[in-house]
Amino acid sequence: MTKIFVLLCLLFLASSGFVHGSSKKDHIRLFELKKGDFSIKVTNWGATLVSVILPDKNGKLGDIVLGYDSPKAYTNDTSYFGATVGRVANRIGGAQFTLNGIHYKLVANEGNNTLHSGPKAFSDVLWKVTRYIKDDDKPRITFSYHSYDGEGGFPGDLLVTVSYILGKNSLSIIMKAKALNKPTPVNMVNHAYWNLGNHNSGNILDEVVQIFGSQVTLFDDNLIPTGQYASVRGTPNDFLEPHIVGERINQLPKTNGYNINYVLDGEKGNAEIKLAAIAVDKKSGRVMKLFTNAPGLQFYTANFVKNDKGKGGFVYQPRSALCLESQAFPDSVNHPNFPSTIVTPDKPYKHVMLLKFSTKVPYAFSQF
């Protein structure tokens, strides 16, 4: 009887992927959500957005996010294509912070700083699928992950979920986190690389962008915020009115393209989602509007992507995509004047992104 019990336990552990020596890659799966001619694919590795397929102005379908053909290829990804990034996305200066009088040392993976929570974080683990509904008016999938106390140097156990939900020509990405025992910083983002022309259509310098943020957080030579704000007016960062991405990109002094956090306009502390950005590709006619409840938006033009072999063998290069990452401000844990990112057992975290797609170019963009 004991032998039978042990055998059953081993079979259960093997099916769950917990037997020592089993490969995590064996359990990586791909999931599809579809609504009419609009569809997405996601994988449980890093709760990653793999593809977004929708028609252009002529009705021709195309995939508008950069990525790889095989879900297993994401295990070697260094660009965070489509990944759910956390526990704290973006940069933490000096790979350290102090919370409630306790000093925490993180794993540095970009010089002396921590980028996207270190070399192994939410984008580098298998997530559980807790809900998957394909045949519904709003197809959806929810992934969950239990981040343990001390993971990456961060305090406390944290239970996180990411849901992808399709609507009529819309995609909602909802990220939630609950601290189970200790206060901890949380800033989760979706790191999709968007090219509205198609993932393999080359650079995005002719795409037109509007960002509803009148200030940015200034940063030093290591892209760590100084704690100061600056107006965008009269600078290459001014997208309060629509501008062509490539129009002023070579005027940026510190980077090989855009890579900066915008302070989104709107009432601080308002939990309701607001329009953060609009992107338009005139050739395909595709329009993407991003709504969010986050206070910031990282605008990034794939500056560090180089010779990355992606879908269909297409090789991605710098400026081949736009990242519009709604988020908390980078390095918030070290800047008390920034909106707090601290989550407690009594104060859960919720980050909402709503992406609306169409081929109806707004009037303000029609001049381009």
Protein backbone atom coordinates (compact mmCIF):
# COMPACT_ATOMS: atom_id res chain seq x y z
CA MET A 1 0.00 0.00 0.00
CA THR A 2 2.89 2.33 0.87
CA LYS A 3 4.54 1.67 -2.51
CA ILE A 4 1.31 2.48 -4.33
CA PHE A 5 0.97 5.72 -2.38
CA VAL A 6 4.56 6.73 -3.20
CA LEU A 7 4.02 5.90 -6.87
CA LEU A 8 0.88 8.01 -6.99
CA CYS A 9 2.74 10.91 -5.39
CA LEU A 10 5.54 10.64 -7.94
CA LEU A 11 3.04 10.56 -10.81
CA PHE A 12 1.36 13.68 -9.42
CA LEU A 13 4.66 15.52 -9.04
CA ALA A 14 5.75 14.52 -12.53
CA SER A 15 2.51 15.78 -14.03
CA SER A 16 2.96 19.03 -12.11
CA GLY A 17 6.54 19.47 -13.31
CA PHE A 18 8.10 19.28 -9.83
CA VAL A 19 10.16 16.09 -10.14
CA HIS A 20 13.87 16.88 -9.91
CA GLY A 21 15.48 16.88 -13.33
CA SER A 22 12.32 17.59 -15.33
CA SER A 23 12.70 20.33 -17.88
CA LYS A 24 10.58 23.45 -17.51
CA LYS A 25 10.65 23.76 -21.27
CA ASP A 26 8.56 20.58 -21.53
CA HIS A 27 5.65 22.40 -19.91
CA ILE A 28 5.66 25.60 -21.94
CA ARG A 29 2.39 26.00 -23.81
CA LEU A 30 0.79 28.36 -26.28
CA PHE A 31 -2.79 29.64 -25.89
CA GLU A 32 -4.99 31.48 -28.37
CA LEU A 33 -7.85 33.90 -27.86
CA LYS A 34 -9.91 34.81 -30.90
CA LYS A 35 -12.82 37.15 -31.60
CA GLY A 36 -13.73 37.46 -35.27
CA ASP A 37 -10.62 38.34 -37.28
CA PHE A 38 -8.87 39.67 -34.16
CA SER A 39 -6.74 37.18 -32.24
CA ILE A 40 -3.84 36.96 -29.82
CA LYS A 41 -1.52 34.21 -28.65
CA VAL A 42 0.10 34.03 -25.23
CA THR A 43 2.39 31.60 -23.46
CA ASN A 44 2.64 30.58 -19.82
CA TRP A 45 6.39 31.27 -19.94
CA GLY A 46 6.57 34.74 -18.45
CA ALA A 47 2.82 35.25 -19.04
CA THR A 48 4.03 36.55 -22.38
CA LEU A 49 2.09 38.13 -25.24
CA VAL A 50 3.31 36.27 -28.33
CA SER A 51 1.18 37.70 -31.14
CA VAL A 52 -1.58 40.19 -31.89
CA ILE A 53 -3.18 39.63 -35.28
CA LEU A 54 -5.68 42.04 -36.77
CA PRO A 55 -6.58 43.50 -40.19
CA ASP A 56 -5.12 46.60 -41.81
CA LYS A 57 -7.19 49.18 -43.71
CA ASN A 58 -7.44 46.78 -46.67
CA GLY A 59 -8.58 43.87 -44.51
CA LYS A 60 -5.25 42.05 -44.71
CA LEU A 61 -4.31 40.32 -41.47
CA GLY A 62 -0.95 40.97 -39.86
CA ASP A 63 0.91 40.36 -36.62
CA ILE A 64 1.85 43.65 -34.93
CA VAL A 65 4.10 42.54 -32.05
CA LEU A 66 7.70 41.41 -32.24
CA GLY A 67 8.54 37.97 -30.95
CA TYR A 68 9.47 34.40 -31.78
CA ASP A 69 7.86 31.50 -33.64
CA SER A 70 8.30 28.99 -30.81
CA PRO A 71 7.15 29.58 -27.22
CA LYS A 72 10.33 27.84 -26.00
CA ALA A 73 12.43 30.49 -27.76
CA TYR A 74 11.25 32.97 -25.12
CA THR A 75 13.34 31.14 -22.51
CA ASN A 76 16.44 32.63 -24.16
CA ASP A 77 14.99 36.08 -24.82
CA THR A 78 16.97 39.07 -23.57
CA SER A 79 14.71 41.80 -24.99
CA TYR A 80 11.61 40.96 -22.92
CA PHE A 81 9.46 40.59 -26.06
CA GLY A 82 5.84 40.67 -24.87
CA ALA A 83 6.82 39.63 -21.34
CA THR A 84 5.13 40.34 -18.04
CA VAL A 85 7.91 42.14 -16.19
CA GLY A 86 8.08 42.27 -12.38
CA ARG A 87 8.16 42.23 -9.39
CA VAL A 88 9.46 45.73 -10.18
CA ALA A 89 9.86 46.70 -13.83
CA ASN A 90 12.35 49.25 -15.10
CA ARG A 91 15.40 50.32 -13.09
CA ILE A 92 16.31 50.45 -9.41
CA GLY A 93 19.40 52.54 -8.75
CA GLY A 94 22.29 50.88 -6.96
CA ALA A 95 20.34 47.60 -6.87
CA GLN A 96 19.07 48.49 -3.39
CA PHE A 97 16.39 50.24 -1.39
CA THR A 98 15.25 50.73 2.21
CA LEU A 99 11.71 49.97 3.34
CA ASN A 100 10.44 50.47 6.89
CA GLY A 101 14.01 50.77 8.14
CA ILE A 102 15.18 47.51 6.52
CA HIS A 103 17.81 47.66 3.78
CA TYR A 104 17.33 45.30 0.83
CA LYS A 105 20.09 44.41 -1.60
CA LEU A 106 18.97 43.21 -5.02
CA VAL A 107 20.77 41.43 -7.84
CA ALA A 108 22.45 43.93 -10.17
CA ASN A 109 22.17 43.04 -13.84
CA GLU A 110 22.83 46.37 -15.57
CA GLY A 111 26.08 47.74 -14.23
CA ASN A 112 25.49 48.55 -10.56
CA ASN A 113 21.72 48.77 -11.06
CA THR A 114 18.81 46.34 -11.24
CA LEU A 115 16.81 46.22 -14.46
CA HIS A 116 13.39 44.52 -14.52
CA SER A 117 14.02 42.86 -11.12
CA GLY A 118 17.28 41.18 -12.04
CA PRO A 119 18.51 38.33 -14.23
CA LYS A 120 15.68 35.97 -13.24
CA ALA A 121 12.28 37.39 -12.52
CA PHE A 122 8.62 37.17 -13.59
CA SER A 123 9.48 36.99 -17.30
CA ASP A 124 11.73 33.97 -16.68
CA VAL A 125 9.37 31.56 -14.93
CA LEU A 126 6.42 29.34 -15.71
CA TRP A 127 3.04 30.71 -14.68
CA LYS A 128 -0.03 28.64 -13.86
CA VAL A 129 -3.14 28.94 -15.98
CA THR A 130 -6.02 29.51 -13.58
CA ARG A 131 -8.68 30.46 -16.13
CA TYR A 132 -9.01 29.91 -19.88
CA ILE A 133 -12.29 30.70 -21.61
CA LYS A 134 -12.21 30.58 -25.41
CA ASP A 135 -15.90 30.39 -26.33
CA ASP A 136 -17.38 33.51 -24.82
CA ASP A 137 -18.31 37.07 -25.74
CA LYS A 138 -15.05 38.09 -24.04
CA PRO A 139 -12.46 35.35 -24.47
CA ARG A 140 -9.92 35.49 -21.67
CA ILE A 141 -7.02 33.78 -19.96
CA THR A 142 -5.54 34.34 -16.49
CA PHE A 143 -2.06 33.36 -15.36
CA SER A 144 -0.90 33.27 -11.74
CA TYR A 145 2.46 33.13 -10.02
CA HIS A 146 3.56 32.94 -6.37
CA SER A 147 6.70 35.01 -5.87
CA TYR A 148 8.45 33.81 -2.75
CA ASP A 149 9.88 35.92 0.07
CA GLY A 150 13.43 36.91 -0.90
CA GLU A 151 13.05 36.20 -4.61
CA GLY A 152 15.47 38.54 -6.38
CA GLY A 153 16.13 40.15 -3.00
CA PHE A 154 12.58 41.50 -2.60
CA PRO A 155 10.72 41.08 0.70
CA GLY A 156 7.57 39.09 1.26
CA ASP A 157 5.49 36.47 -0.49
CA LEU A 158 3.50 37.93 -3.35
CA LEU A 159 0.62 36.37 -5.27
CA VAL A 160 0.28 37.86 -8.75
CA THR A 161 -2.10 37.36 -11.66
CA VAL A 162 -2.18 38.59 -15.24
CA SER A 163 -5.35 38.44 -17.33
CA TYR A 164 -5.67 38.92 -21.09
CA ILE A 165 -9.23 39.70 -22.19
CA LEU A 166 -10.49 40.28 -25.73
CA GLY A 167 -13.29 42.69 -26.49
CA LYS A 168 -14.52 44.16 -29.75
CA ASN A 169 -11.24 45.22 -31.37
CA SER A 170 -9.77 45.65 -27.90
CA LEU A 171 -7.33 43.90 -25.59
CA SER A 172 -7.38 44.37 -21.83
CA ILE A 173 -4.34 43.39 -19.79
CA ILE A 174 -5.03 43.40 -16.06
CA MET A 175 -2.22 42.78 -13.57
CA LYS A 176 -2.95 42.21 -9.89
CA ALA A 177 -0.74 41.53 -6.89
CA LYS A 178 -1.42 40.79 -3.25
CA ALA A 179 1.25 40.91 -0.57
CA LEU A 180 0.74 37.91 1.69
CA ASN A 181 2.87 38.88 4.70
CA LYS A 182 5.21 41.87 4.18
CA PRO A 183 5.13 45.26 2.45
CA THR A 184 6.94 45.12 -0.88
CA PRO A 185 7.35 47.28 -3.99
CA VAL A 186 5.41 46.24 -7.09
CA ASN A 187 5.52 47.71 -10.59
CA MET A 188 4.41 45.19 -13.20
CA VAL A 189 4.36 46.02 -16.90
CA ASN A 190 3.62 44.35 -20.20
CA HIS A 191 6.69 44.72 -22.41
CA ALA A 192 5.12 44.30 -25.87
CA TYR A 193 7.06 45.68 -28.82
CA TRP A 194 4.54 47.20 -31.24
CA ASN A 195 4.98 47.71 -34.96
CA LEU A 196 1.59 48.62 -36.37
CA GLY A 197 2.77 48.04 -39.93
CA ASN A 198 3.54 44.38 -39.09
CA HIS A 199 6.25 42.85 -36.94
CA ASN A 200 8.43 42.39 -40.05
CA SER A 201 7.83 45.74 -41.74
CA GLY A 202 11.10 47.36 -40.66
CA ASN A 203 11.56 50.47 -38.53
CA ILE A 204 8.83 52.56 -36.93
CA LEU A 205 10.32 55.98 -37.71
CA ASP A 206 7.32 56.93 -39.88
CA GLU A 207 4.71 55.99 -37.28
CA VAL A 208 2.94 58.88 -35.59
CA VAL A 209 2.59 59.03 -31.81
CA GLN A 210 0.78 61.20 -29.30
CA ILE A 211 1.52 60.89 -25.57
CA PHE A 212 -0.65 62.61 -22.98
CA GLY A 213 2.15 63.47 -20.59
CA SER A 214 3.37 67.05 -20.18
CA GLN A 215 6.34 66.08 -17.99
CA VAL A 216 9.05 63.45 -17.89
CA THR A 217 11.20 62.14 -15.05
CA LEU A 218 14.79 63.23 -15.67
CA PHE A 219 17.50 60.57 -15.59
CA ASP A 220 21.28 60.32 -15.33
CA ASP A 221 23.75 58.67 -17.70
CA ASN A 222 22.71 55.24 -16.40
CA LEU A 223 19.00 55.92 -17.05
CA ILE A 224 18.33 56.18 -13.31
CA PRO A 225 15.87 58.97 -12.39
CA THR A 226 17.31 61.95 -10.56
CA GLY A 227 14.02 62.56 -8.77
CA GLN A 228 13.35 65.72 -10.76
CA TYR A 229 10.61 66.43 -13.29
CA ALA A 230 10.91 68.44 -16.50
CA SER A 231 8.42 69.85 -18.96
CA VAL A 232 8.41 68.26 -22.42
CA ARG A 233 7.51 71.50 -24.19
CA GLY A 234 10.07 72.63 -26.71
CA THR A 235 12.01 69.35 -26.48
CA PRO A 236 12.18 66.21 -28.65
CA ASN A 237 10.11 64.50 -25.93
CA ASP A 238 7.07 66.67 -26.66
CA PHE A 239 4.33 64.42 -28.03
CA LEU A 240 1.42 66.39 -26.58
CA GLU A 241 0.43 66.88 -30.22
CA PRO A 242 1.00 64.05 -32.72
CA HIS A 243 4.52 63.79 -34.10
CA ILE A 244 6.34 61.42 -36.43
CA VAL A 245 8.62 59.22 -34.31
CA GLY A 246 11.67 59.78 -36.49
CA GLU A 247 11.20 63.54 -36.75
CA ARG A 248 13.41 64.42 -33.74
CA ILE A 249 14.78 61.08 -32.61
CA ASN A 250 18.38 61.95 -33.52
CA GLN A 251 18.26 65.04 -31.29
CA LEU A 252 18.14 62.95 -28.12
CA PRO A 253 21.41 63.51 -26.23
CA LYS A 254 21.81 60.40 -24.04
CA THR A 255 20.17 57.52 -25.86
CA ASN A 256 19.99 55.96 -29.30
CA GLY A 257 16.28 56.70 -29.42
CA TYR A 258 13.40 57.25 -27.04
CA ASN A 259 13.67 55.59 -23.63
CA ILE A 260 12.02 57.81 -21.06
CA ASN A 261 9.20 57.83 -18.51
CA TYR A 262 6.32 60.26 -19.04
CA VAL A 263 4.26 61.63 -16.17
CA LEU A 264 0.77 61.06 -17.48
CA ASP A 265 -1.64 63.94 -17.20
CA GLY A 266 -4.76 63.55 -15.09
CA GLU A 267 -5.58 63.60 -11.42
CA LYS A 268 -2.99 61.83 -9.28
CA GLY A 269 -4.42 58.92 -7.39
CA ASN A 270 -7.40 58.59 -9.71
CA ALA A 271 -7.97 54.88 -10.20
CA GLU A 272 -10.03 55.35 -13.36
CA ILE A 273 -8.28 54.61 -16.63
CA LYS A 274 -7.28 57.52 -18.84
CA LEU A 275 -6.05 57.89 -22.40
CA ALA A 276 -2.25 57.69 -22.25
CA ALA A 277 -1.10 57.38 -25.86
CA ILE A 278 -2.13 56.97 -29.48
CA ALA A 279 -0.02 55.38 -32.21
CA VAL A 280 -0.84 55.42 -35.92
CA ASP A 281 0.75 53.69 -38.89
CA LYS A 282 -0.44 55.57 -41.97
CA LYS A 283 0.63 52.91 -44.47
CA SER A 284 -1.40 50.11 -42.86
CA GLY A 285 -4.02 52.47 -41.45
CA ARG A 286 -3.83 50.77 -38.06
CA VAL A 287 -4.52 52.85 -34.96
CA MET A 288 -3.79 51.84 -31.37
CA LYS A 289 -5.05 53.74 -28.33
CA LEU A 290 -3.73 52.93 -24.87
CA PHE A 291 -5.78 53.64 -21.74
CA THR A 292 -4.41 52.95 -18.26
CA ASN A 293 -4.73 53.68 -14.55
CA ALA A 294 -0.94 53.86 -14.13
CA PRO A 295 0.79 57.19 -13.38
CA GLY A 296 3.59 56.80 -15.92
CA LEU A 297 4.39 55.60 -19.41
CA GLN A 298 7.78 54.40 -20.64
CA PHE A 299 8.25 55.26 -24.32
CA TYR A 300 10.98 53.10 -25.82
CA THR A 301 12.02 52.61 -29.44
CA ALA A 302 13.79 49.25 -29.20
CA ASN A 303 17.19 50.93 -29.00
CA PHE A 304 18.97 47.87 -27.60
CA VAL A 305 17.45 45.32 -30.00
CA LYS A 306 20.12 44.21 -32.45
CA ASN A 307 20.28 41.25 -34.86
CA ASP A 308 17.53 39.46 -32.95
CA LYS A 309 16.12 36.66 -35.12
CA GLY A 310 12.38 36.65 -34.68
CA LYS A 311 9.22 35.31 -36.29
CA GLY A 312 9.63 33.82 -39.73
CA GLY A 313 13.38 34.36 -39.52
CA PHE A 314 12.99 38.14 -39.72
CA VAL A 315 15.88 39.91 -37.99
CA TYR A 316 14.88 42.75 -35.67
CA GLN A 317 17.07 45.81 -35.35
CA PRO A 318 17.06 49.04 -33.28
CA ARG A 319 13.99 51.23 -33.83
CA SER A 320 12.01 48.28 -35.17
CA ALA A 321 9.18 48.75 -32.65
CA LEU A 322 7.53 51.00 -30.10
CA CYS A 323 7.14 50.07 -26.46
CA LEU A 324 4.40 52.01 -24.68
CA GLU A 325 4.67 50.61 -21.16
CA SER A 326 2.20 52.04 -18.67
CA GLN A 327 3.87 51.83 -15.28
CA ALA A 328 4.85 53.36 -11.98
CA PHE A 329 7.87 55.66 -12.18
CA PRO A 330 11.30 53.98 -12.39
CA ASP A 331 13.28 53.76 -9.13
CA SER A 332 10.25 54.89 -7.14
CA VAL A 333 11.47 52.99 -4.08
CA ASN A 334 14.36 55.46 -3.81
CA HIS A 335 12.39 58.65 -4.47
CA PRO A 336 9.78 59.54 -1.81
CA ASN A 337 8.43 62.31 -4.07
CA PHE A 338 7.34 59.74 -6.68
CA PRO A 339 3.97 57.94 -6.39
CA SER A 340 4.40 55.03 -4.00
CA THR A 341 4.80 51.50 -5.35
CA ILE A 342 4.54 49.81 -1.95
CA VAL A 343 1.94 47.05 -1.72
CA THR A 344 0.82 45.70 1.66
CA PRO A 345 -1.53 42.90 2.75
CA ASP A 346 -4.18 45.61 3.18
CA LYS A 347 -3.33 47.49 -0.01
CA PRO A 348 -3.31 45.25 -3.11
CA TYR A 349 -2.02 46.23 -6.52
CA LYS A 350 -3.99 46.56 -9.75
CA HIS A 351 -2.65 47.78 -13.07
CA VAL A 352 -5.05 48.08 -16.00
CA MET A 353 -4.13 48.46 -19.66
CA LEU A 354 -6.83 48.79 -22.31
CA LEU A 355 -5.68 48.71 -25.93
CA LYS A 356 -8.22 49.73 -28.57
CA PHE A 357 -7.49 49.03 -32.23
CA SER A 358 -9.08 50.43 -35.37
CA THR A 359 -8.35 51.71 -38.88
CA LYS A 360 -10.09 55.03 -38.25
CA VAL A 361 -7.27 57.56 -38.22
CA PRO A 362 -8.05 60.47 -35.83
CA TYR A 363 -8.36 63.87 -37.49
CA ALA A 364 -5.27 65.24 -35.72
CA PHE A 365 -3.20 62.51 -37.40
CA SER A 366 -4.61 62.97 -40.90
CA GLN A 367 -2.10 65.69 -41.83
CA PHE A 368 0.80 63.24 -41.76
